[in-house]
Amino acid sequence: MLWDYLSFFRAVTPEWQQRRILGLIENACEHVPFYRDLLKKQGLSPSDFSNVEDFIEKFPRTHASAYRSIQQDKGHAWMVDERCDLERMAQDRSSGSSGIPISVYRTRKENAYHKASVLWHLTKAGVRPWHRLLAVVPPLQQVKRDSFIQLFGIFRRYTVHYLMKLDDVLDFIDRNKINVMYGQKSFMLLLAERYVETGRTPPKLACLVPAAERIDKASRHILCHTFHPKYYAEIYGSTEAGITASMHGGDYEVNYRSNFFCLTNPVSAGDLTRGSIAVTSLYQHAQPFLMLELGDEVCVRHYDKLLDLKATIASIDGRDNDFLHLENGERISGATFYGALEYFPFMRQFRILQDEIGSCRVLLRLTEDTTENRNEVEQVLASILAEKIRYEVEYVDAIPIDPNGKTKILISNVQR
């Protein structure tokens, strides 16, 4: 693990990345039933890929939701290298944001690399060996005190999960003198609000690193105003491919040593290019992930320099499969609401609920609930929804987190 950790400080070249990608294609086509079958159906073989451009142009994308469904139907072995023994591998499970959790199997070596990647990103965010870390994780991942980043001798990492009572977590933070917090954004926000409600003094954190879901301006403001972190960063990634990028004040810098990414159906506007992100893990051979569409719409800066490893992710704009369904068959993307409503500095939270085609409810939570602010928001909503769908606006005091610990902004229970 130490060698893996140190390797992240070395620059990556396009030539190294290309060799790694071509090797992954050959290995997956020869030894992984899922990819062997996928390429065969497309009439493709490893010989059809001689460079990264071929990979971007020809390799079939798989949406994360489709991958998870196939794993459920075919079994875990269908997605894993036939030479591997699942019982000897480490298993990681997602929180099930899409409704179907995913299992990721890694060899011991790959698992060490994955953990080294997490540690490297935390180090980059400002974490140091003398800090005491609190990770907010799914319930199945909770341990009393984790040891993987204590291999260097003096790290201390504790975990809590998003089903715990808030006051118990606040007590835990005081008792263990926590000064770094990272993990599930929505639960961190609940902790911040609980400090305000109870009048307890929150810790002044050395580092604060929210992750696991999209982070808007209002969330950043509340977290930083409450915990006054010396260093603030954000992590963008997935259970499947690990950490794709991290933000330290500007754009999200892509971790090109561990991941390759590109956009599906990219559309350019100025120096930004928008599309659905597809990621490829560069270190997972046992259960490879090649051109996996995570389901996120992102904006990328300098996308024309992607092959030179100089592209960065400017923003994460929302889920590409979150839509309101209109009676005429058209759809309104959830990303539309992100772009429109995040503009307001007084917007704390919002959620759109749809139970039947042609109508929806809009839940709004404002930090400054005034008539003027309500009018501004409702004018924007009218510009998006009026004469397209019947809708009701409801102002609420709270929008609870979902069972998976996240806060999805658009929930449509209808299908077209």
Foldseek 3Di string as FASTA:
>chain_A
DVVLLVCLVDDDFLVNLFVLVLVLQQLCCVFAQVSVVVQVVVVHHSVQDDGVVSQVPPPDAAAPVNVLVCCVVVHPSNQFGVVDDQVQWDWDWALCPVVGIDIDTFHPVLVLSLVSVVVNVVVVQPDDLQAAEEEEDAPVPADQWDCSVCPVPRYTYHYDYQVDDLVVVQVVCVVRVHQEYEEALLSLLVNLVVCVVVVPQAEQHQEYEYEDDFDFPLSVVSNCVRNVHVFYKYFYDGPHQHTQFMGGPFFTQGSSVFKAKDFDPWDDDPQKIKHFIFMWTSRGNGRTGRRYGHQWIWIKGNNVCSSRSPITTGHTQAGNPFWQAAPVGDTDHPSVCSVQVSPDNQWNAKAWEAEDHQEIEIETEGNDDDPVVVVVVVVSVCVVPPPGGHYYYDYDNDDDADPSSHRHRYYHPDDD
